[in-house]
Amino acid sequence: ESREAMLRLDEELDFRGHFSSDAMDPLNRLAPDASVEQMYDAYLRS
């Protein structure tokens, strides 16, 4: 549940790109330039 695991997952499997794609609805979609905290909130929700 830490940011370390989230950053490693983003580095290896592009977690940010998956949740910022157009297939996600506006409430769950991440902005391409989202901060680490915003991406971490999406990581905890998923």
All heavy atoms as atom14 arrays in JSON, in Angstrom:
{
  "sequence": "ESREAMLRLDEELDFRGHFSSDAMDPLNRLAPDASVEQMYDAYLRS",
  "atom14_mask": [
    [1, 1, 1, 1, 1, 1, 1, 1, 1, 0, 0, 0, 0, 0],
    [1, 1, 1, 1, 1, 1, 0, 0, 0, 0, 0, 0, 0, 0],
    [1, 1, 1, 1, 1, 1, 1, 1, 1, 1, 1, 0, 0, 0],
    [1, 1, 1, 1, 1, 1, 1, 1, 1, 0, 0, 0, 0, 0],
    [1, 1, 1, 1, 1, 0, 0, 0, 0, 0, 0, 0, 0, 0],
    [1, 1, 1, 1, 1, 1, 1, 1, 0, 0, 0, 0, 0, 0],
    [1, 1, 1, 1, 1, 1, 1, 1, 0, 0, 0, 0, 0, 0],
    [1, 1, 1, 1, 1, 1, 1, 1, 1, 1, 1, 0, 0, 0],
    [1, 1, 1, 1, 1, 1, 1, 1, 0, 0, 0, 0, 0, 0],
    [1, 1, 1, 1, 1, 1, 1, 1, 0, 0, 0, 0, 0, 0],
    [1, 1, 1, 1, 1, 1, 1, 1, 1, 0, 0, 0, 0, 0],
    [1, 1, 1, 1, 1, 1, 1, 1, 1, 0, 0, 0, 0, 0],
    [1, 1, 1, 1, 1, 1, 1, 1, 0, 0, 0, 0, 0, 0],
    [1, 1, 1, 1, 1, 1, 1, 1, 0, 0, 0, 0, 0, 0],
    [1, 1, 1, 1, 1, 1, 1, 1, 1, 1, 1, 0, 0, 0],
    [1, 1, 1, 1, 1, 1, 1, 1, 1, 1, 1, 0, 0, 0],
    [1, 1, 1, 1, 0, 0, 0, 0, 0, 0, 0, 0, 0, 0],
    [1, 1, 1, 1, 1, 1, 1, 1, 1, 1, 0, 0, 0, 0],
    [1, 1, 1, 1, 1, 1, 1, 1, 1, 1, 1, 0, 0, 0],
    [1, 1, 1, 1, 1, 1, 0, 0, 0, 0, 0, 0, 0, 0],
    [1, 1, 1, 1, 1, 1, 0, 0, 0, 0, 0, 0, 0, 0],
    [1, 1, 1, 1, 1, 1, 1, 1, 0, 0, 0, 0, 0, 0],
    [1, 1, 1, 1, 1, 0, 0, 0, 0, 0, 0, 0, 0, 0],
    [1, 1, 1, 1, 1, 1, 1, 1, 0, 0, 0, 0, 0, 0],
    [1, 1, 1, 1, 1, 1, 1, 1, 0, 0, 0, 0, 0, 0],
    [1, 1, 1, 1, 1, 1, 1, 0, 0, 0, 0, 0, 0, 0],
    [1, 1, 1, 1, 1, 1, 1, 1, 0, 0, 0, 0, 0, 0],
    [1, 1, 1, 1, 1, 1, 1, 1, 0, 0, 0, 0, 0, 0],
    [1, 1, 1, 1, 1, 1, 1, 1, 1, 1, 1, 0, 0, 0],
    [1, 1, 1, 1, 1, 1, 1, 1, 0, 0, 0, 0, 0, 0],
    [1, 1, 1, 1, 1, 0, 0, 0, 0, 0, 0, 0, 0, 0],
    [1, 1, 1, 1, 1, 1, 1, 0, 0, 0, 0, 0, 0, 0],
    [1, 1, 1, 1, 1, 1, 1, 1, 0, 0, 0, 0, 0, 0],
    [1, 1, 1, 1, 1, 0, 0, 0, 0, 0, 0, 0, 0, 0],
    [1, 1, 1, 1, 1, 1, 0, 0, 0, 0, 0, 0, 0, 0],
    [1, 1, 1, 1, 1, 1, 1, 0, 0, 0, 0, 0, 0, 0],
    [1, 1, 1, 1, 1, 1, 1, 1, 1, 0, 0, 0, 0, 0],
    [1, 1, 1, 1, 1, 1, 1, 1, 1, 0, 0, 0, 0, 0],
    [1, 1, 1, 1, 1, 1, 1, 1, 0, 0, 0, 0, 0, 0],
    [1, 1, 1, 1, 1, 1, 1, 1, 1, 1, 1, 1, 0, 0],
    [1, 1, 1, 1, 1, 1, 1, 1, 0, 0, 0, 0, 0, 0],
    [1, 1, 1, 1, 1, 0, 0, 0, 0, 0, 0, 0, 0, 0],
    [1, 1, 1, 1, 1, 1, 1, 1, 1, 1, 1, 1, 0, 0],
    [1, 1, 1, 1, 1, 1, 1, 1, 0, 0, 0, 0, 0, 0],
    [1, 1, 1, 1, 1, 1, 1, 1, 1, 1, 1, 0, 0, 0],
    [1, 1, 1, 1, 1, 1, 0, 0, 0, 0, 0, 0, 0, 0]
  ],
  "atom14_positions": [
    [[0.81, -1.21, 0.0], [0.0, 0.0, 0.0], [0.85, 1.27, 0.0], [0.3, 2.37, 0.13], [-0.92, 0.01, 1.22], [-1.99, -1.06, 1.19], [-2.85, -1.05, 2.45], [-2.38, -0.48, 3.46], [-3.97, -1.59, 2.41], [0.0, 0.0, 0.0], [0.0, 0.0, 0.0], [0.0, 0.0, 0.0], [0.0, 0.0, 0.0], [0.0, 0.0, 0.0]],
    [[2.14, 1.16, -0.16], [3.03, 2.31, -0.07], [3.25, 2.94, -1.44], [2.94, 2.36, -2.49], [4.37, 1.89, 0.54], [5.03, 0.97, -0.32], [0.0, 0.0, 0.0], [0.0, 0.0, 0.0], [0.0, 0.0, 0.0], [0.0, 0.0, 0.0], [0.0, 0.0, 0.0], [0.0, 0.0, 0.0], [0.0, 0.0, 0.0], [0.0, 0.0, 0.0]],
    [[3.81, 4.14, -1.43], [4.14, 4.83, -2.67], [5.29, 4.14, -3.39], [5.4, 4.23, -4.62], [4.52, 6.28, -2.36], [3.35, 7.1, -1.87], [3.81, 8.49, -1.44], [2.68, 9.32, -1.04], [2.11, 9.28, 0.14], [2.55, 8.42, 1.06], [1.09, 10.06, 0.44], [0.0, 0.0, 0.0], [0.0, 0.0, 0.0], [0.0, 0.0, 0.0]],
    [[6.16, 3.45, -2.64], [7.27, 2.74, -3.27], [6.77, 1.68, -4.24], [7.24, 1.58, -5.38], [8.15, 2.11, -2.19], [9.34, 1.34, -2.73], [10.13, 0.67, -1.63], [9.78, 0.87, -0.45], [11.09, -0.05, -1.96], [0.0, 0.0, 0.0], [0.0, 0.0, 0.0], [0.0, 0.0, 0.0], [0.0, 0.0, 0.0], [0.0, 0.0, 0.0]],
    [[5.8, 0.87, -3.79], [5.25, -0.16, -4.68], [4.51, 0.48, -5.85], [4.57, -0.02, -6.98], [4.31, -1.07, -3.88], [0.0, 0.0, 0.0], [0.0, 0.0, 0.0], [0.0, 0.0, 0.0], [0.0, 0.0, 0.0], [0.0, 0.0, 0.0], [0.0, 0.0, 0.0], [0.0, 0.0, 0.0], [0.0, 0.0, 0.0], [0.0, 0.0, 0.0]],
    [[3.81, 1.61, -5.6], [3.09, 2.27, -6.68], [4.05, 2.82, -7.74], [3.82, 2.65, -8.95], [2.24, 3.39, -6.09], [1.36, 4.13, -7.09], [2.12, 5.64, -7.7], [2.28, 6.59, -6.21], [0.0, 0.0, 0.0], [0.0, 0.0, 0.0], [0.0, 0.0, 0.0], [0.0, 0.0, 0.0], [0.0, 0.0, 0.0], [0.0, 0.0, 0.0]],
    [[5.13, 3.46, -7.32], [6.1, 3.99, -8.27], [6.78, 2.88, -9.05], [7.04, 3.01, -10.26], [7.14, 4.84, -7.53], [6.61, 6.13, -6.89], [7.71, 6.8, -6.08], [6.07, 7.06, -7.96], [0.0, 0.0, 0.0], [0.0, 0.0, 0.0], [0.0, 0.0, 0.0], [0.0, 0.0, 0.0], [0.0, 0.0, 0.0], [0.0, 0.0, 0.0]],
    [[7.09, 1.77, -8.4], [7.7, 0.65, -9.12], [6.72, 0.05, -10.13], [7.11, -0.32, -11.25], [8.14, -0.41, -8.12], [8.9, -1.55, -8.75], [9.44, -2.49, -7.71], [10.12, -3.63, -8.31], [10.63, -4.64, -7.62], [10.56, -4.63, -6.29], [11.25, -5.64, -8.24], [0.0, 0.0, 0.0], [0.0, 0.0, 0.0], [0.0, 0.0, 0.0]],
    [[5.44, -0.05, -9.74], [4.44, -0.56, -10.68], [4.26, 0.38, -11.86], [4.11, -0.07, -13.01], [3.11, -0.74, -9.94], [1.96, -1.39, -10.72], [2.31, -2.84, -11.05], [0.66, -1.34, -9.91], [0.0, 0.0, 0.0], [0.0, 0.0, 0.0], [0.0, 0.0, 0.0], [0.0, 0.0, 0.0], [0.0, 0.0, 0.0], [0.0, 0.0, 0.0]],
    [[4.31, 1.68, -11.61], [4.2, 2.64, -12.7], [5.41, 2.57, -13.62], [5.3, 2.7, -14.84], [4.04, 4.04, -12.12], [3.93, 5.1, -13.19], [3.13, 4.92, -14.13], [4.67, 6.11, -13.12], [0.0, 0.0, 0.0], [0.0, 0.0, 0.0], [0.0, 0.0, 0.0], [0.0, 0.0, 0.0], [0.0, 0.0, 0.0], [0.0, 0.0, 0.0]],
    [[6.59, 2.34, -13.03], [7.8, 2.27, -13.84], [7.83, 1.01, -14.71], [8.29, 1.06, -15.86], [9.02, 2.29, -12.91], [10.36, 2.23, -13.64], [11.53, 2.23, -12.68], [11.29, 2.37, -11.46], [12.67, 2.09, -13.15], [0.0, 0.0, 0.0], [0.0, 0.0, 0.0], [0.0, 0.0, 0.0], [0.0, 0.0, 0.0], [0.0, 0.0, 0.0]],
    [[7.32, -0.08, -14.2], [7.4, -1.34, -14.96], [6.19, -1.56, -15.87], [6.35, -2.07, -16.99], [7.54, -2.51, -13.98], [8.84, -2.48, -13.19], [8.96, -3.67, -12.26], [8.03, -4.52, -12.26], [9.97, -3.76, -11.53], [0.0, 0.0, 0.0], [0.0, 0.0, 0.0], [0.0, 0.0, 0.0], [0.0, 0.0, 0.0], [0.0, 0.0, 0.0]],
    [[4.97, -1.22, -15.4], [3.75, -1.53, -16.16], [2.95, -0.3, -16.55], [1.82, -0.45, -17.06], [2.86, -2.49, -15.35], [3.46, -3.84, -15.01], [2.49, -4.67, -14.18], [3.83, -4.61, -16.27], [0.0, 0.0, 0.0], [0.0, 0.0, 0.0], [0.0, 0.0, 0.0], [0.0, 0.0, 0.0], [0.0, 0.0, 0.0], [0.0, 0.0, 0.0]],
    [[3.49, 0.91, -16.36], [2.83, 2.15, -16.78], [1.44, 2.27, -16.14], [0.42, 2.33, -16.83], [2.74, 2.22, -18.3], [2.36, 3.63, -18.77], [2.45, 4.56, -17.96], [1.94, 3.77, -19.94], [0.0, 0.0, 0.0], [0.0, 0.0, 0.0], [0.0, 0.0, 0.0], [0.0, 0.0, 0.0], [0.0, 0.0, 0.0], [0.0, 0.0, 0.0]],
    [[1.43, 2.32, -14.81], [0.17, 2.48, -14.11], [-0.5, 3.81, -14.44], [-1.72, 3.89, -14.61], [0.43, 2.37, -12.61], [-0.79, 2.54, -11.75], [-1.66, 1.49, -11.53], [-1.08, 3.77, -11.17], [-2.79, 1.65, -10.74], [-2.2, 3.95, -10.38], [-3.05, 2.88, -10.17], [0.0, 0.0, 0.0], [0.0, 0.0, 0.0], [0.0, 0.0, 0.0]],
    [[0.29, 4.88, -14.55], [-0.27, 6.19, -14.85], [-0.93, 6.21, -16.23], [-2.04, 6.74, -16.4], [0.83, 7.24, -14.79], [0.36, 8.67, -15.05], [1.54, 9.57, -15.35], [2.43, 9.67, -14.22], [2.35, 10.61, -13.29], [1.4, 11.52, -13.36], [3.22, 10.64, -12.3], [0.0, 0.0, 0.0], [0.0, 0.0, 0.0], [0.0, 0.0, 0.0]],
    [[-0.28, 5.61, -17.2], [-0.84, 5.6, -18.54], [-2.14, 4.82, -18.64], [-3.04, 5.17, -19.41], [0.0, 0.0, 0.0], [0.0, 0.0, 0.0], [0.0, 0.0, 0.0], [0.0, 0.0, 0.0], [0.0, 0.0, 0.0], [0.0, 0.0, 0.0], [0.0, 0.0, 0.0], [0.0, 0.0, 0.0], [0.0, 0.0, 0.0], [0.0, 0.0, 0.0]],
    [[-2.25, 3.75, -17.85], [-3.47, 2.94, -17.9], [-4.66, 3.73, -17.36], [-5.75, 3.72, -17.96], [-3.27, 1.67, -17.08], [-4.49, 0.8, -17.03], [-4.86, -0.04, -18.05], [-5.44, 0.64, -16.05], [-5.98, -0.67, -17.73], [-6.35, -0.27, -16.52], [0.0, 0.0, 0.0], [0.0, 0.0, 0.0], [0.0, 0.0, 0.0], [0.0, 0.0, 0.0]],
    [[-4.49, 4.44, -16.25], [-5.61, 5.15, -15.64], [-5.8, 6.56, -16.2], [-6.74, 7.24, -15.8], [-5.42, 5.23, -14.12], [-5.83, 3.99, -13.41], [-4.93, 2.97, -13.19], [-7.12, 3.82, -12.96], [-5.29, 1.81, -12.54], [-7.51, 2.67, -12.3], [-6.59, 1.64, -12.1], [0.0, 0.0, 0.0], [0.0, 0.0, 0.0], [0.0, 0.0, 0.0]],
    [[-4.93, 7.01, -17.1], [-5.14, 8.29, -17.77], [-5.6, 8.13, -19.2], [-5.67, 9.11, -19.94], [-3.84, 9.11, -17.74], [-2.8, 8.41, -18.41], [0.0, 0.0, 0.0], [0.0, 0.0, 0.0], [0.0, 0.0, 0.0], [0.0, 0.0, 0.0], [0.0, 0.0, 0.0], [0.0, 0.0, 0.0], [0.0, 0.0, 0.0], [0.0, 0.0, 0.0]],
    [[-5.93, 6.91, -19.61], [-6.39, 6.67, -20.97], [-7.82, 7.19, -21.14], [-8.54, 7.45, -20.17], [-6.32, 5.19, -21.31], [-7.17, 4.44, -20.46], [0.0, 0.0, 0.0], [0.0, 0.0, 0.0], [0.0, 0.0, 0.0], [0.0, 0.0, 0.0], [0.0, 0.0, 0.0], [0.0, 0.0, 0.0], [0.0, 0.0, 0.0], [0.0, 0.0, 0.0]],
    [[-8.25, 7.3, -22.39], [-9.6, 7.8, -22.68], [-10.68, 6.79, -22.31], [-11.87, 7.16, -22.26], [-9.72, 8.14, -24.18], [-8.78, 9.28, -24.56], [-8.43, 10.06, -23.67], [-8.38, 9.35, -25.75], [0.0, 0.0, 0.0], [0.0, 0.0, 0.0], [0.0, 0.0, 0.0], [0.0, 0.0, 0.0], [0.0, 0.0, 0.0], [0.0, 0.0, 0.0]],
    [[-10.31, 5.55, -22.05], [-11.31, 4.54, -21.7], [-11.85, 4.75, -20.29], [-12.93, 4.23, -19.97], [-10.71, 3.14, -21.81], [0.0, 0.0, 0.0], [0.0, 0.0, 0.0], [0.0, 0.0, 0.0], [0.0, 0.0, 0.0], [0.0, 0.0, 0.0], [0.0, 0.0, 0.0], [0.0, 0.0, 0.0], [0.0, 0.0, 0.0], [0.0, 0.0, 0.0]],
    [[-11.15, 5.5, -19.46], [-11.61, 5.73, -18.09], [-12.63, 6.87, -18.07], [-12.56, 7.81, -18.88], [-10.43, 6.08, -17.18], [-9.34, 5.03, -17.14], [-9.92, 3.45, -16.48], [-10.31, 3.92, -14.81], [0.0, 0.0, 0.0], [0.0, 0.0, 0.0], [0.0, 0.0, 0.0], [0.0, 0.0, 0.0], [0.0, 0.0, 0.0], [0.0, 0.0, 0.0]],
    [[-13.59, 6.77, -17.17], [-14.6, 7.81, -17.04], [-13.97, 9.04, -16.38], [-12.9, 8.96, -15.78], [-15.79, 7.3, -16.21], [-15.37, 6.87, -14.83], [-15.28, 7.72, -13.94], [-15.1, 5.66, -14.65], [0.0, 0.0, 0.0], [0.0, 0.0, 0.0], [0.0, 0.0, 0.0], [0.0, 0.0, 0.0], [0.0, 0.0, 0.0], [0.0, 0.0, 0.0]],
    [[-14.63, 10.21, -16.49], [-14.01, 11.44, -15.99], [-13.69, 11.42, -14.5], [-12.72, 12.04, -14.07], [-15.06, 12.52, -16.31], [-15.84, 11.96, -17.45], [-15.88, 10.47, -17.23], [0.0, 0.0, 0.0], [0.0, 0.0, 0.0], [0.0, 0.0, 0.0], [0.0, 0.0, 0.0], [0.0, 0.0, 0.0], [0.0, 0.0, 0.0], [0.0, 0.0, 0.0]],
    [[-14.48, 10.73, -13.7], [-14.22, 10.73, -12.26], [-13.03, 9.86, -11.88], [-12.37, 10.12, -10.87], [-15.46, 10.28, -11.49], [-16.68, 11.2, -11.56], [-17.8, 10.65, -10.72], [-16.32, 12.61, -11.12], [0.0, 0.0, 0.0], [0.0, 0.0, 0.0], [0.0, 0.0, 0.0], [0.0, 0.0, 0.0], [0.0, 0.0, 0.0], [0.0, 0.0, 0.0]],
    [[-12.76, 8.8, -12.63], [-11.65, 7.9, -12.33], [-10.42, 8.16, -13.19], [-9.39, 7.53, -12.97], [-12.08, 6.45, -12.52], [-13.09, 6.0, -11.48], [-13.02, 6.41, -10.33], [-14.04, 5.16, -11.89], [0.0, 0.0, 0.0], [0.0, 0.0, 0.0], [0.0, 0.0, 0.0], [0.0, 0.0, 0.0], [0.0, 0.0, 0.0], [0.0, 0.0, 0.0]],
    [[-10.53, 9.05, -14.15], [-9.41, 9.28, -15.07], [-8.36, 10.17, -14.42], [-8.67, 11.17, -13.76], [-9.93, 9.91, -16.35], [-8.86, 10.09, -17.44], [-9.43, 10.86, -18.6], [-10.65, 10.22, -19.07], [-11.58, 10.85, -19.77], [-11.45, 12.14, -20.05], [-12.65, 10.2, -20.18], [0.0, 0.0, 0.0], [0.0, 0.0, 0.0], [0.0, 0.0, 0.0]],
    [[-7.09, 9.82, -14.65], [-5.97, 10.62, -14.18], [-5.53, 11.58, -15.28], [-5.54, 11.22, -16.46], [-4.79, 9.73, -13.79], [-4.79, 9.11, -12.4], [-3.59, 8.19, -12.25], [-4.75, 10.18, -11.33], [0.0, 0.0, 0.0], [0.0, 0.0, 0.0], [0.0, 0.0, 0.0], [0.0, 0.0, 0.0], [0.0, 0.0, 0.0], [0.0, 0.0, 0.0]],
    [[-5.15, 12.76, -14.87], [-4.6, 13.7, -15.84], [-3.21, 13.24, -16.25], [-2.48, 12.64, -15.45], [-4.55, 15.1, -15.24], [0.0, 0.0, 0.0], [0.0, 0.0, 0.0], [0.0, 0.0, 0.0], [0.0, 0.0, 0.0], [0.0, 0.0, 0.0], [0.0, 0.0, 0.0], [0.0, 0.0, 0.0], [0.0, 0.0, 0.0], [0.0, 0.0, 0.0]],
    [[-2.83, 13.5, -17.51], [-1.47, 13.07, -17.94], [-0.36, 13.67, -17.07], [0.68, 13.05, -16.88], [-1.4, 13.56, -19.39], [-2.83, 13.66, -19.83], [-3.59, 14.09, -18.62], [0.0, 0.0, 0.0], [0.0, 0.0, 0.0], [0.0, 0.0, 0.0], [0.0, 0.0, 0.0], [0.0, 0.0, 0.0], [0.0, 0.0, 0.0], [0.0, 0.0, 0.0]],
    [[-0.57, 14.89, -16.58], [0.44, 15.53, -15.73], [0.05, 15.48, -14.26], [0.38, 16.39, -13.48], [0.62, 16.99, -16.16], [-0.69, 17.76, -16.14], [-1.76, 17.11, -16.04], [-0.65, 19.01, -16.21], [0.0, 0.0, 0.0], [0.0, 0.0, 0.0], [0.0, 0.0, 0.0], [0.0, 0.0, 0.0], [0.0, 0.0, 0.0], [0.0, 0.0, 0.0]],
    [[-0.68, 14.44, -13.86], [-1.12, 14.32, -12.47], [0.07, 14.17, -11.54], [1.1, 13.58, -11.89], [-2.07, 13.13, -12.31], [0.0, 0.0, 0.0], [0.0, 0.0, 0.0], [0.0, 0.0, 0.0], [0.0, 0.0, 0.0], [0.0, 0.0, 0.0], [0.0, 0.0, 0.0], [0.0, 0.0, 0.0], [0.0, 0.0, 0.0], [0.0, 0.0, 0.0]],
    [[-0.06, 14.69, -10.35], [1.01, 14.59, -9.35], [1.08, 13.18, -8.78], [0.2, 12.34, -9.02], [0.77, 15.61, -8.23], [-0.44, 15.32, -7.56], [0.0, 0.0, 0.0], [0.0, 0.0, 0.0], [0.0, 0.0, 0.0], [0.0, 0.0, 0.0], [0.0, 0.0, 0.0], [0.0, 0.0, 0.0], [0.0, 0.0, 0.0], [0.0, 0.0, 0.0]],
    [[2.12, 12.95, -8.02], [2.3, 11.63, -7.41], [1.2, 11.35, -6.4], [0.71, 10.22, -6.28], [3.69, 11.54, -6.76], [3.86, 10.21, -6.03], [4.78, 11.7, -7.79], [0.0, 0.0, 0.0], [0.0, 0.0, 0.0], [0.0, 0.0, 0.0], [0.0, 0.0, 0.0], [0.0, 0.0, 0.0], [0.0, 0.0, 0.0], [0.0, 0.0, 0.0]],
    [[0.76, 12.39, -5.68], [-0.29, 12.2, -4.69], [-1.61, 11.83, -5.37], [-2.35, 10.97, -4.89], [-0.46, 13.47, -3.85], [0.7, 13.75, -2.92], [0.91, 12.63, -1.92], [-0.08, 12.04, -1.48], [2.07, 12.35, -1.57], [0.0, 0.0, 0.0], [0.0, 0.0, 0.0], [0.0, 0.0, 0.0], [0.0, 0.0, 0.0], [0.0, 0.0, 0.0]],
    [[-1.93, 12.48, -6.48], [-3.15, 12.13, -7.2], [-3.08, 10.71, -7.74], [-4.06, 9.95, -7.69], [-3.37, 13.12, -8.35], [-3.67, 14.53, -7.87], [-3.77, 15.52, -9.02], [-3.4, 15.21, -10.17], [-4.26, 16.72, -8.73], [0.0, 0.0, 0.0], [0.0, 0.0, 0.0], [0.0, 0.0, 0.0], [0.0, 0.0, 0.0], [0.0, 0.0, 0.0]],
    [[-1.92, 10.33, -8.26], [-1.76, 8.97, -8.74], [-1.82, 7.97, -7.59], [-2.35, 6.86, -7.73], [-0.43, 8.82, -9.49], [-0.22, 7.46, -10.14], [1.2, 7.41, -11.23], [2.53, 7.75, -10.08], [0.0, 0.0, 0.0], [0.0, 0.0, 0.0], [0.0, 0.0, 0.0], [0.0, 0.0, 0.0], [0.0, 0.0, 0.0], [0.0, 0.0, 0.0]],
    [[-1.32, 8.37, -6.43], [-1.37, 7.48, -5.27], [-2.8, 7.28, -4.79], [-3.17, 6.18, -4.37], [-0.51, 8.07, -4.15], [-0.45, 7.22, -2.91], [0.1, 5.95, -2.93], [-0.95, 7.71, -1.7], [0.15, 5.17, -1.78], [-0.89, 6.93, -0.55], [-0.33, 5.68, -0.6], [-0.29, 4.91, 0.53], [0.0, 0.0, 0.0], [0.0, 0.0, 0.0]],
    [[-3.63, 8.34, -4.86], [-5.05, 8.19, -4.5], [-5.73, 7.21, -5.45], [-6.53, 6.36, -5.02], [-5.74, 9.55, -4.56], [-5.23, 10.48, -3.47], [-4.7, 9.97, -2.47], [-5.37, 11.71, -3.63], [0.0, 0.0, 0.0], [0.0, 0.0, 0.0], [0.0, 0.0, 0.0], [0.0, 0.0, 0.0], [0.0, 0.0, 0.0], [0.0, 0.0, 0.0]],
    [[-5.45, 7.32, -6.75], [-6.02, 6.37, -7.7], [-5.51, 4.95, -7.44], [-6.25, 3.97, -7.59], [-5.68, 6.8, -9.13], [0.0, 0.0, 0.0], [0.0, 0.0, 0.0], [0.0, 0.0, 0.0], [0.0, 0.0, 0.0], [0.0, 0.0, 0.0], [0.0, 0.0, 0.0], [0.0, 0.0, 0.0], [0.0, 0.0, 0.0], [0.0, 0.0, 0.0]],
    [[-4.25, 4.84, -7.03], [-3.68, 3.52, -6.72], [-4.39, 2.88, -5.53], [-4.7, 1.67, -5.55], [-2.18, 3.68, -6.45], [-1.49, 2.42, -5.99], [-1.19, 1.39, -6.88], [-1.13, 2.25, -4.66], [-0.56, 0.24, -6.45], [-0.5, 1.11, -4.21], [-0.21, 0.1, -5.12], [0.41, -1.04, -4.69], [0.0, 0.0, 0.0], [0.0, 0.0, 0.0]],
    [[-4.65, 3.68, -4.49], [-5.36, 3.13, -3.33], [-6.8, 2.76, -3.67], [-7.34, 1.8, -3.1], [-5.34, 4.16, -2.19], [-3.97, 4.44, -1.56], [-4.11, 5.46, -0.45], [-3.33, 3.17, -1.03], [0.0, 0.0, 0.0], [0.0, 0.0, 0.0], [0.0, 0.0, 0.0], [0.0, 0.0, 0.0], [0.0, 0.0, 0.0], [0.0, 0.0, 0.0]],
    [[-7.44, 3.5, -4.58], [-8.8, 3.14, -4.99], [-8.83, 1.84, -5.78], [-9.8, 1.08, -5.71], [-9.42, 4.26, -5.82], [-9.77, 5.5, -5.03], [-10.7, 6.41, -5.82], [-10.12, 6.81, -7.08], [-9.41, 7.92, -7.27], [-9.19, 8.73, -6.25], [-8.94, 8.23, -8.46], [0.0, 0.0, 0.0], [0.0, 0.0, 0.0], [0.0, 0.0, 0.0]],
    [[-7.77, 1.57, -6.52], [-7.75, 0.36, -7.35], [-7.2, -0.85, -6.6], [-7.28, -1.97, -7.12], [-6.89, 0.6, -8.59], [-5.55, 0.87, -8.23], [0.0, 0.0, 0.0], [0.0, 0.0, 0.0], [0.0, 0.0, 0.0], [0.0, 0.0, 0.0], [0.0, 0.0, 0.0], [0.0, 0.0, 0.0], [0.0, 0.0, 0.0], [0.0, 0.0, 0.0]]
  ]
}
